[in-house]
Amino acid sequence: MAKSSDKSAKGKVTGSAGRFGCRYGRFVRKRVAEMEKISRAVHRCPRCDTESLQRKGTGIWGCRKCGYKFAGGAYQPETPGLRVALRAIERSGVVVEEKKQ
């Protein structure tokens, strides 16, 4: 028989979703914890290429180093749809210039 230390907790969710306790179900808490982990992480700035990009609000992202502010996904700066669109633009050969401030 296995010791209790060998077993892993099946439904235990720690981290930011721990504030919900036993409410809302295991998979909802797991999904919320994963989403908040991604949104609160520090991401790479598309302009200055440093890891200083933070979420300012829903879909608003700002770089702490260069001050670059742009609209992106609600919980991550680049959505999967944006990646597909950028890949299609890159393949077509269209040159997209960034607007200078």
PDB file of N, CA and C in Angstrom:
ATOM      1  N   MET A   1       0.837  -1.183   0.000  1.00  0.00           N
ATOM      2  CA  MET A   1       0.000   0.000   0.000  1.00  0.00           C
ATOM      3  C   MET A   1       0.882   1.247   0.000  1.00  0.00           C
ATOM      4  N   ALA A   2       0.511   2.241  -0.789  1.00  0.00           N
ATOM      5  CA  ALA A   2       1.313   3.452  -0.936  1.00  0.00           C
ATOM      6  C   ALA A   2       1.100   4.374   0.247  1.00  0.00           C
ATOM      7  N   LYS A   3       2.139   5.081   0.592  1.00  0.00           N
ATOM      8  CA  LYS A   3       2.033   6.071   1.667  1.00  0.00           C
ATOM      9  C   LYS A   3       1.228   7.268   1.184  1.00  0.00           C
ATOM     10  N   SER A   4       0.734   8.036   2.119  1.00  0.00           N
ATOM     11  CA  SER A   4      -0.043   9.222   1.751  1.00  0.00           C
ATOM     12  C   SER A   4       0.850  10.288   1.104  1.00  0.00           C
ATOM     13  N   SER A   5       2.156  10.245   1.376  1.00  0.00           N
ATOM     14  CA  SER A   5       3.065  11.224   0.782  1.00  0.00           C
ATOM     15  C   SER A   5       3.317  10.937  -0.701  1.00  0.00           C
ATOM     16  N   ASP A   6       3.094   9.668  -1.124  1.00  0.00           N
ATOM     17  CA  ASP A   6       3.282   9.318  -2.527  1.00  0.00           C
ATOM     18  C   ASP A   6       2.132   9.782  -3.401  1.00  0.00           C
ATOM     19  N   LYS A   7       0.978   9.993  -2.804  1.00  0.00           N
ATOM     20  CA  LYS A   7      -0.197  10.395  -3.562  1.00  0.00           C
ATOM     21  C   LYS A   7      -0.186  11.903  -3.776  1.00  0.00           C
ATOM     22  N   SER A   8      -0.745  12.314  -4.907  1.00  0.00           N
ATOM     23  CA  SER A   8      -0.876  13.745  -5.152  1.00  0.00           C
ATOM     24  C   SER A   8      -2.332  14.135  -4.953  1.00  0.00           C
ATOM     25  N   ALA A   9      -2.558  15.341  -4.518  1.00  0.00           N
ATOM     26  CA  ALA A   9      -3.917  15.816  -4.294  1.00  0.00           C
ATOM     27  C   ALA A   9      -4.605  15.978  -5.641  1.00  0.00           C
ATOM     28  N   LYS A  10      -5.719  15.288  -5.839  1.00  0.00           N
ATOM     29  CA  LYS A  10      -6.388  15.275  -7.134  1.00  0.00           C
ATOM     30  C   LYS A  10      -7.020  16.628  -7.457  1.00  0.00           C
ATOM     31  N   GLY A  11      -7.755  17.198  -6.533  1.00  0.00           N
ATOM     32  CA  GLY A  11      -8.506  18.404  -6.839  1.00  0.00           C
ATOM     33  C   GLY A  11      -7.926  19.663  -6.237  1.00  0.00           C
ATOM     34  N   LYS A  12      -6.781  19.600  -5.636  1.00  0.00           N
ATOM     35  CA  LYS A  12      -6.213  20.755  -4.960  1.00  0.00           C
ATOM     36  C   LYS A  12      -5.675  21.762  -5.971  1.00  0.00           C
ATOM     37  N   VAL A  13      -6.149  22.993  -5.898  1.00  0.00           N
ATOM     38  CA  VAL A  13      -5.659  24.062  -6.760  1.00  0.00           C
ATOM     39  C   VAL A  13      -5.087  25.134  -5.850  1.00  0.00           C
ATOM     40  N   THR A  14      -3.827  25.440  -6.027  1.00  0.00           N
ATOM     41  CA  THR A  14      -3.208  26.485  -5.229  1.00  0.00           C
ATOM     42  C   THR A  14      -2.964  27.684  -6.111  1.00  0.00           C
ATOM     43  N   GLY A  15      -2.365  28.687  -5.557  1.00  0.00           N
ATOM     44  CA  GLY A  15      -2.083  29.883  -6.338  1.00  0.00           C
ATOM     45  C   GLY A  15      -3.212  30.882  -6.205  1.00  0.00           C
ATOM     46  N   SER A  16      -3.427  31.670  -7.252  1.00  0.00           N
ATOM     47  CA  SER A  16      -4.391  32.759  -7.189  1.00  0.00           C
ATOM     48  C   SER A  16      -5.828  32.275  -7.043  1.00  0.00           C
ATOM     49  N   ALA A  17      -6.147  31.074  -7.531  1.00  0.00           N
ATOM     50  CA  ALA A  17      -7.512  30.548  -7.435  1.00  0.00           C
ATOM     51  C   ALA A  17      -7.789  29.947  -6.061  1.00  0.00           C
ATOM     52  N   GLY A  18      -6.816  29.902  -5.200  1.00  0.00           N
ATOM     53  CA  GLY A  18      -7.019  29.405  -3.853  1.00  0.00           C
ATOM     54  C   GLY A  18      -7.986  30.266  -3.056  1.00  0.00           C
ATOM     55  N   ARG A  19      -8.175  31.495  -3.479  1.00  0.00           N
ATOM     56  CA  ARG A  19      -9.104  32.392  -2.783  1.00  0.00           C
ATOM     57  C   ARG A  19     -10.557  31.960  -2.927  1.00  0.00           C
ATOM     58  N   PHE A  20     -10.847  31.087  -3.914  1.00  0.00           N
ATOM     59  CA  PHE A  20     -12.216  30.620  -4.118  1.00  0.00           C
ATOM     60  C   PHE A  20     -12.580  29.475  -3.195  1.00  0.00           C
ATOM     61  N   GLY A  21     -11.582  28.870  -2.521  1.00  0.00           N
ATOM     62  CA  GLY A  21     -11.848  27.751  -1.633  1.00  0.00           C
ATOM     63  C   GLY A  21     -12.339  26.547  -2.418  1.00  0.00           C
ATOM     64  N   CYS A  22     -13.435  25.949  -1.959  1.00  0.00           N
ATOM     65  CA  CYS A  22     -13.976  24.768  -2.636  1.00  0.00           C
ATOM     66  C   CYS A  22     -15.093  25.138  -3.612  1.00  0.00           C
ATOM     67  N   ARG A  23     -15.308  26.419  -3.845  1.00  0.00           N
ATOM     68  CA  ARG A  23     -16.415  26.855  -4.702  1.00  0.00           C
ATOM     69  C   ARG A  23     -16.060  26.815  -6.186  1.00  0.00           C
ATOM     70  N   TYR A  24     -17.065  26.770  -7.045  1.00  0.00           N
ATOM     71  CA  TYR A  24     -17.015  26.920  -8.505  1.00  0.00           C
ATOM     72  C   TYR A  24     -16.485  25.716  -9.268  1.00  0.00           C
ATOM     73  N   GLY A  25     -16.007  24.698  -8.633  1.00  0.00           N
ATOM     74  CA  GLY A  25     -15.552  23.515  -9.343  1.00  0.00           C
ATOM     75  C   GLY A  25     -14.062  23.537  -9.632  1.00  0.00           C
ATOM     76  N   ARG A  26     -13.511  22.357  -9.756  1.00  0.00           N
ATOM     77  CA  ARG A  26     -12.066  22.199  -9.913  1.00  0.00           C
ATOM     78  C   ARG A  26     -11.549  22.784 -11.220  1.00  0.00           C
ATOM     79  N   PHE A  27     -12.250  22.522 -12.326  1.00  0.00           N
ATOM     80  CA  PHE A  27     -11.729  22.947 -13.627  1.00  0.00           C
ATOM     81  C   PHE A  27     -11.847  24.453 -13.828  1.00  0.00           C
ATOM     82  N   VAL A  28     -12.875  25.076 -13.272  1.00  0.00           N
ATOM     83  CA  VAL A  28     -13.002  26.530 -13.358  1.00  0.00           C
ATOM     84  C   VAL A  28     -11.876  27.197 -12.578  1.00  0.00           C
ATOM     85  N   ARG A  29     -11.609  26.687 -11.367  1.00  0.00           N
ATOM     86  CA  ARG A  29     -10.516  27.252 -10.561  1.00  0.00           C
ATOM     87  C   ARG A  29      -9.165  27.050 -11.248  1.00  0.00           C
ATOM     88  N   LYS A  30      -8.991  25.885 -11.864  1.00  0.00           N
ATOM     89  CA  LYS A  30      -7.736  25.600 -12.566  1.00  0.00           C
ATOM     90  C   LYS A  30      -7.554  26.542 -13.750  1.00  0.00           C
ATOM     91  N   ARG A  31      -8.628  26.780 -14.495  1.00  0.00           N
ATOM     92  CA  ARG A  31      -8.575  27.668 -15.660  1.00  0.00           C
ATOM     93  C   ARG A  31      -8.282  29.111 -15.236  1.00  0.00           C
ATOM     94  N   VAL A  32      -8.911  29.560 -14.144  1.00  0.00           N
ATOM     95  CA  VAL A  32      -8.677  30.914 -13.638  1.00  0.00           C
ATOM     96  C   VAL A  32      -7.232  31.069 -13.181  1.00  0.00           C
ATOM     97  N   ALA A  33      -6.706  30.070 -12.469  1.00  0.00           N
ATOM     98  CA  ALA A  33      -5.319  30.134 -11.997  1.00  0.00           C
ATOM     99  C   ALA A  33      -4.346  30.205 -13.162  1.00  0.00           C
ATOM    100  N   GLU A  34      -4.597  29.422 -14.215  1.00  0.00           N
ATOM    101  CA  GLU A  34      -3.715  29.425 -15.391  1.00  0.00           C
ATOM    102  C   GLU A  34      -3.767  30.771 -16.117  1.00  0.00           C
ATOM    103  N   MET A  35      -4.971  31.314 -16.279  1.00  0.00           N
ATOM    104  CA  MET A  35      -5.149  32.590 -16.965  1.00  0.00           C
ATOM    105  C   MET A  35      -4.480  33.728 -16.188  1.00  0.00           C
ATOM    106  N   GLU A  36      -4.647  33.735 -14.868  1.00  0.00           N
ATOM    107  CA  GLU A  36      -4.039  34.797 -14.063  1.00  0.00           C
ATOM    108  C   GLU A  36      -2.520  34.674 -14.020  1.00  0.00           C
ATOM    109  N   LYS A  37      -2.016  33.471 -14.079  1.00  0.00           N
ATOM    110  CA  LYS A  37      -0.564  33.276 -14.105  1.00  0.00           C
ATOM    111  C   LYS A  37       0.031  33.893 -15.374  1.00  0.00           C
ATOM    112  N   ILE A  38      -0.648  33.707 -16.517  1.00  0.00           N
ATOM    113  CA  ILE A  38      -0.177  34.267 -17.784  1.00  0.00           C
ATOM    114  C   ILE A  38      -0.310  35.786 -17.791  1.00  0.00           C
ATOM    115  N   SER A  39      -1.437  36.299 -17.315  1.00  0.00           N
ATOM    116  CA  SER A  39      -1.668  37.744 -17.396  1.00  0.00           C
ATOM    117  C   SER A  39      -0.785  38.539 -16.432  1.00  0.00           C
ATOM    118  N   ARG A  40      -0.419  37.939 -15.303  1.00  0.00           N
ATOM    119  CA  ARG A  40       0.419  38.650 -14.324  1.00  0.00           C
ATOM    120  C   ARG A  40       1.907  38.490 -14.572  1.00  0.00           C
ATOM    121  N   ALA A  41       2.279  37.627 -15.504  1.00  0.00           N
ATOM    122  CA  ALA A  41       3.691  37.422 -15.821  1.00  0.00           C
ATOM    123  C   ALA A  41       4.249  38.636 -16.567  1.00  0.00           C
ATOM    124  N   VAL A  42       5.561  38.748 -16.571  1.00  0.00           N
ATOM    125  CA  VAL A  42       6.232  39.811 -17.314  1.00  0.00           C
ATOM    126  C   VAL A  42       6.536  39.267 -18.702  1.00  0.00           C
ATOM    127  N   HIS A  43       6.120  40.004 -19.729  1.00  0.00           N
ATOM    128  CA  HIS A  43       6.278  39.566 -21.113  1.00  0.00           C
ATOM    129  C   HIS A  43       7.321  40.415 -21.831  1.00  0.00           C
ATOM    130  N   ARG A  44       7.692  39.998 -23.027  1.00  0.00           N
ATOM    131  CA  ARG A  44       8.693  40.692 -23.830  1.00  0.00           C
ATOM    132  C   ARG A  44       8.044  41.821 -24.624  1.00  0.00           C
ATOM    133  N   CYS A  45       8.642  43.010 -24.556  1.00  0.00           N
ATOM    134  CA  CYS A  45       8.132  44.191 -25.262  1.00  0.00           C
ATOM    135  C   CYS A  45       8.418  44.055 -26.764  1.00  0.00           C
ATOM    136  N   PRO A  46       7.423  44.298 -27.626  1.00  0.00           N
ATOM    137  CA  PRO A  46       7.660  44.192 -29.064  1.00  0.00           C
ATOM    138  C   PRO A  46       8.540  45.307 -29.625  1.00  0.00           C
ATOM    139  N   ARG A  47       8.651  46.419 -28.913  1.00  0.00           N
ATOM    140  CA  ARG A  47       9.450  47.538 -29.409  1.00  0.00           C
ATOM    141  C   ARG A  47      10.904  47.457 -28.943  1.00  0.00           C
ATOM    142  N   CYS A  48      11.127  47.389 -27.636  1.00  0.00           N
ATOM    143  CA  CYS A  48      12.509  47.419 -27.127  1.00  0.00           C
ATOM    144  C   CYS A  48      13.063  46.030 -26.819  1.00  0.00           C
ATOM    145  N   ASP A  49      12.243  44.985 -26.940  1.00  0.00           N
ATOM    146  CA  ASP A  49      12.660  43.594 -26.800  1.00  0.00           C
ATOM    147  C   ASP A  49      13.226  43.264 -25.421  1.00  0.00           C
ATOM    148  N   THR A  50      12.767  43.953 -24.377  1.00  0.00           N
ATOM    149  CA  THR A  50      13.148  43.611 -23.012  1.00  0.00           C
ATOM    150  C   THR A  50      11.944  42.987 -22.319  1.00  0.00           C
ATOM    151  N   GLU A  51      12.195  42.233 -21.283  1.00  0.00           N
ATOM    152  CA  GLU A  51      11.104  41.603 -20.533  1.00  0.00           C
ATOM    153  C   GLU A  51      10.584  42.590 -19.485  1.00  0.00           C
ATOM    154  N   SER A  52       9.836  43.568 -19.929  1.00  0.00           N
ATOM    155  CA  SER A  52       9.300  44.574 -19.017  1.00  0.00           C
ATOM    156  C   SER A  52       7.872  44.972 -19.382  1.00  0.00           C
ATOM    157  N   LEU A  53       7.172  44.107 -20.079  1.00  0.00           N
ATOM    158  CA  LEU A  53       5.812  44.388 -20.524  1.00  0.00           C
ATOM    159  C   LEU A  53       4.832  43.869 -19.486  1.00  0.00           C
ATOM    160  N   GLN A  54       3.916  44.734 -19.045  1.00  0.00           N
ATOM    161  CA  GLN A  54       2.928  44.351 -18.055  1.00  0.00           C
ATOM    162  C   GLN A  54       1.534  44.713 -18.508  1.00  0.00           C
ATOM    163  N   ARG A  55       0.557  44.011 -17.967  1.00  0.00           N
ATOM    164  CA  ARG A  55      -0.848  44.271 -18.269  1.00  0.00           C
ATOM    165  C   ARG A  55      -1.311  45.451 -17.432  1.00  0.00           C
ATOM    166  N   LYS A  56      -1.835  46.484 -18.095  1.00  0.00           N
ATOM    167  CA  LYS A  56      -2.332  47.672 -17.409  1.00  0.00           C
ATOM    168  C   LYS A  56      -3.817  47.554 -17.105  1.00  0.00           C
ATOM    169  N   GLY A  57      -4.553  46.960 -18.017  1.00  0.00           N
ATOM    170  CA  GLY A  57      -5.991  46.754 -17.867  1.00  0.00           C
ATOM    171  C   GLY A  57      -6.416  45.716 -18.878  1.00  0.00           C
ATOM    172  N   THR A  58      -7.723  45.536 -19.040  1.00  0.00           N
ATOM    173  CA  THR A  58      -8.219  44.537 -19.979  1.00  0.00           C
ATOM    174  C   THR A  58      -7.808  44.902 -21.395  1.00  0.00           C
ATOM    175  N   GLY A  59      -6.877  44.152 -21.959  1.00  0.00           N
ATOM    176  CA  GLY A  59      -6.425  44.370 -23.330  1.00  0.00           C
ATOM    177  C   GLY A  59      -5.440  45.503 -23.501  1.00  0.00           C
ATOM    178  N   ILE A  60      -4.995  46.130 -22.419  1.00  0.00           N
ATOM    179  CA  ILE A  60      -4.037  47.244 -22.500  1.00  0.00           C
ATOM    180  C   ILE A  60      -2.720  46.786 -21.897  1.00  0.00           C
ATOM    181  N   TRP A  61      -1.661  46.909 -22.675  1.00  0.00           N
ATOM    182  CA  TRP A  61      -0.335  46.460 -22.266  1.00  0.00           C
ATOM    183  C   TRP A  61       0.638  47.620 -22.350  1.00  0.00           C
ATOM    184  N   GLY A  62       1.549  47.724 -21.390  1.00  0.00           N
ATOM    185  CA  GLY A  62       2.521  48.809 -21.377  1.00  0.00           C
ATOM    186  C   GLY A  62       3.890  48.332 -20.950  1.00  0.00           C
ATOM    187  N   CYS A  63       4.898  48.903 -21.582  1.00  0.00           N
ATOM    188  CA  CYS A  63       6.285  48.584 -21.256  1.00  0.00           C
ATOM    189  C   CYS A  63       6.771  49.548 -20.180  1.00  0.00           C
ATOM    190  N   ARG A  64       7.392  49.003 -19.138  1.00  0.00           N
ATOM    191  CA  ARG A  64       7.913  49.846 -18.065  1.00  0.00           C
ATOM    192  C   ARG A  64       9.199  50.550 -18.466  1.00  0.00           C
ATOM    193  N   LYS A  65       9.925  50.011 -19.444  1.00  0.00           N
ATOM    194  CA  LYS A  65      11.212  50.598 -19.824  1.00  0.00           C
ATOM    195  C   LYS A  65      11.056  51.718 -20.847  1.00  0.00           C
ATOM    196  N   CYS A  66      10.420  51.415 -21.990  1.00  0.00           N
ATOM    197  CA  CYS A  66      10.351  52.409 -23.067  1.00  0.00           C
ATOM    198  C   CYS A  66       9.029  53.173 -23.095  1.00  0.00           C
ATOM    199  N   GLY A  67       8.032  52.748 -22.293  1.00  0.00           N
ATOM    200  CA  GLY A  67       6.767  53.457 -22.237  1.00  0.00           C
ATOM    201  C   GLY A  67       5.800  53.126 -23.357  1.00  0.00           C
ATOM    202  N   TYR A  68       6.128  52.147 -24.174  1.00  0.00           N
ATOM    203  CA  TYR A  68       5.278  51.745 -25.294  1.00  0.00           C
ATOM    204  C   TYR A  68       3.980  51.152 -24.757  1.00  0.00           C
ATOM    205  N   LYS A  69       2.854  51.657 -25.236  1.00  0.00           N
ATOM    206  CA  LYS A  69       1.549  51.193 -24.794  1.00  0.00           C
ATOM    207  C   LYS A  69       0.747  50.776 -26.017  1.00  0.00           C
ATOM    208  N   PHE A  70       0.117  49.617 -25.945  1.00  0.00           N
ATOM    209  CA  PHE A  70      -0.647  49.133 -27.090  1.00  0.00           C
ATOM    210  C   PHE A  70      -1.784  48.245 -26.616  1.00  0.00           C
ATOM    211  N   ALA A  71      -2.715  47.983 -27.533  1.00  0.00           N
ATOM    212  CA  ALA A  71      -3.836  47.088 -27.256  1.00  0.00           C
ATOM    213  C   ALA A  71      -3.480  45.699 -27.743  1.00  0.00           C
ATOM    214  N   GLY A  72      -3.755  44.730 -26.909  1.00  0.00           N
ATOM    215  CA  GLY A  72      -3.486  43.340 -27.261  1.00  0.00           C
ATOM    216  C   GLY A  72      -4.639  42.478 -26.803  1.00  0.00           C
ATOM    217  N   GLY A  73      -4.344  41.251 -26.458  1.00  0.00           N
ATOM    218  CA  GLY A  73      -5.371  40.364 -25.946  1.00  0.00           C
ATOM    219  C   GLY A  73      -5.741  40.736 -24.522  1.00  0.00           C
ATOM    220  N   ALA A  74      -6.844  40.225 -24.045  1.00  0.00           N
ATOM    221  CA  ALA A  74      -7.300  40.540 -22.703  1.00  0.00           C
ATOM    222  C   ALA A  74      -6.348  40.009 -21.637  1.00  0.00           C
ATOM    223  N   TYR A  75      -5.793  38.819 -21.860  1.00  0.00           N
ATOM    224  CA  TYR A  75      -4.949  38.202 -20.847  1.00  0.00           C
ATOM    225  C   TYR A  75      -3.538  37.898 -21.310  1.00  0.00           C
ATOM    226  N   GLN A  76      -3.227  38.129 -22.584  1.00  0.00           N
ATOM    227  CA  GLN A  76      -1.870  37.953 -23.096  1.00  0.00           C
ATOM    228  C   GLN A  76      -1.652  38.976 -24.206  1.00  0.00           C
ATOM    229  N   PRO A  77      -0.433  39.481 -24.349  1.00  0.00           N
ATOM    230  CA  PRO A  77      -0.197  40.556 -25.318  1.00  0.00           C
ATOM    231  C   PRO A  77      -0.475  40.161 -26.766  1.00  0.00           C
ATOM    232  N   GLU A  78      -0.122  38.956 -27.145  1.00  0.00           N
ATOM    233  CA  GLU A  78      -0.365  38.476 -28.505  1.00  0.00           C
ATOM    234  C   GLU A  78      -1.344  37.321 -28.442  1.00  0.00           C
ATOM    235  N   THR A  79      -2.473  37.469 -29.113  1.00  0.00           N
ATOM    236  CA  THR A  79      -3.456  36.392 -29.164  1.00  0.00           C
ATOM    237  C   THR A  79      -3.071  35.406 -30.270  1.00  0.00           C
ATOM    238  N   PRO A  80      -3.569  34.190 -30.212  1.00  0.00           N
ATOM    239  CA  PRO A  80      -3.280  33.230 -31.287  1.00  0.00           C
ATOM    240  C   PRO A  80      -3.759  33.734 -32.654  1.00  0.00           C
ATOM    241  N   GLY A  81      -4.855  34.469 -32.679  1.00  0.00           N
ATOM    242  CA  GLY A  81      -5.353  35.024 -33.942  1.00  0.00           C
ATOM    243  C   GLY A  81      -4.406  36.049 -34.534  1.00  0.00           C
ATOM    244  N   LEU A  82      -3.782  36.847 -33.680  1.00  0.00           N
ATOM    245  CA  LEU A  82      -2.809  37.837 -34.146  1.00  0.00           C
ATOM    246  C   LEU A  82      -1.587  37.151 -34.745  1.00  0.00           C
ATOM    247  N   ARG A  83      -1.153  36.067 -34.119  1.00  0.00           N
ATOM    248  CA  ARG A  83       0.002  35.335 -34.638  1.00  0.00           C
ATOM    249  C   ARG A  83      -0.277  34.786 -36.034  1.00  0.00           C
ATOM    250  N   VAL A  84      -1.492  34.282 -36.241  1.00  0.00           N
ATOM    251  CA  VAL A  84      -1.879  33.764 -37.563  1.00  0.00           C
ATOM    252  C   VAL A  84      -1.900  34.892 -38.582  1.00  0.00           C
ATOM    253  N   ALA A  85      -2.457  36.038 -38.202  1.00  0.00           N
ATOM    254  CA  ALA A  85      -2.537  37.182 -39.117  1.00  0.00           C
ATOM    255  C   ALA A  85      -1.143  37.705 -39.466  1.00  0.00           C
ATOM    256  N   LEU A  86      -0.259  37.805 -38.486  1.00  0.00           N
ATOM    257  CA  LEU A  86       1.105  38.287 -38.748  1.00  0.00           C
ATOM    258  C   LEU A  86       1.868  37.333 -39.658  1.00  0.00           C
ATOM    259  N   ARG A  87       1.636  36.031 -39.469  1.00  0.00           N
ATOM    260  CA  ARG A  87       2.288  35.042 -40.323  1.00  0.00           C
ATOM    261  C   ARG A  87       1.798  35.165 -41.761  1.00  0.00           C
ATOM    262  N   ALA A  88       0.496  35.408 -41.944  1.00  0.00           N
ATOM    263  CA  ALA A  88      -0.062  35.564 -43.284  1.00  0.00           C
ATOM    264  C   ALA A  88       0.463  36.832 -43.947  1.00  0.00           C
ATOM    265  N   ILE A  89       0.580  37.908 -43.184  1.00  0.00           N
ATOM    266  CA  ILE A  89       1.120  39.165 -43.713  1.00  0.00           C
ATOM    267  C   ILE A  89       2.575  38.985 -44.107  1.00  0.00           C
ATOM    268  N   GLU A  90       3.319  38.284 -43.256  1.00  0.00           N
ATOM    269  CA  GLU A  90       4.742  38.051 -43.531  1.00  0.00           C
ATOM    270  C   GLU A  90       4.933  37.228 -44.810  1.00  0.00           C
ATOM    271  N   ARG A  91       4.080  36.223 -45.012  1.00  0.00           N
ATOM    272  CA  ARG A  91       4.171  35.384 -46.205  1.00  0.00           C
ATOM    273  C   ARG A  91       3.798  36.139 -47.471  1.00  0.00           C
ATOM    274  N   SER A  92       2.877  37.106 -47.357  1.00  0.00           N
ATOM    275  CA  SER A  92       2.441  37.848 -48.548  1.00  0.00           C
ATOM    276  C   SER A  92       3.491  38.842 -49.010  1.00  0.00           C
ATOM    277  N   GLY A  93       4.427  39.197 -48.143  1.00  0.00           N
ATOM    278  CA  GLY A  93       5.492  40.106 -48.538  1.00  0.00           C
ATOM    279  C   GLY A  93       5.171  41.573 -48.334  1.00  0.00           C
ATOM    280  N   VAL A  94       4.048  41.871 -47.694  1.00  0.00           N
ATOM    281  CA  VAL A  94       3.663  43.247 -47.430  1.00  0.00           C
ATOM    282  C   VAL A  94       4.504  43.777 -46.280  1.00  0.00           C
ATOM    283  N   VAL A  95       5.078  44.958 -46.461  1.00  0.00           N
ATOM    284  CA  VAL A  95       5.899  45.562 -45.431  1.00  0.00           C
ATOM    285  C   VAL A  95       5.023  46.457 -44.570  1.00  0.00           C
ATOM    286  N   VAL A  96       4.983  46.193 -43.278  1.00  0.00           N
ATOM    287  CA  VAL A  96       4.182  46.994 -42.357  1.00  0.00           C
ATOM    288  C   VAL A  96       5.152  47.865 -41.571  1.00  0.00           C
ATOM    289  N   GLU A  97       4.965  49.187 -41.660  1.00  0.00           N
ATOM    290  CA  GLU A  97       5.811  50.119 -40.942  1.00  0.00           C
ATOM    291  C   GLU A  97       5.114  50.548 -39.677  1.00  0.00           C
ATOM    292  N   GLU A  98       5.891  50.658 -38.605  1.00  0.00           N
ATOM    293  CA  GLU A  98       5.347  51.096 -37.337  1.00  0.00           C
ATOM    294  C   GLU A  98       5.271  52.610 -37.307  1.00  0.00           C
ATOM    295  N   LYS A  99       4.202  53.122 -36.776  1.00  0.00           N
ATOM    296  CA  LYS A  99       3.995  54.576 -36.712  1.00  0.00           C
ATOM    297  C   LYS A  99       4.958  55.178 -35.677  1.00  0.00           C
ATOM    298  N   LYS A 100       5.703  56.167 -36.093  1.00  0.00           N
ATOM    299  CA  LYS A 100       6.661  56.837 -35.192  1.00  0.00           C
ATOM    300  C   LYS A 100       5.925  57.849 -34.332  1.00  0.00           C
ATOM    301  N   GLN A 101       6.367  57.969 -33.083  1.00  0.00           N
ATOM    302  CA  GLN A 101       5.735  58.925 -32.166  1.00  0.00           C
ATOM    303  C   GLN A 101       6.437  60.246 -32.205  1.00  0.00           C
TER     304      GLN A 101
END
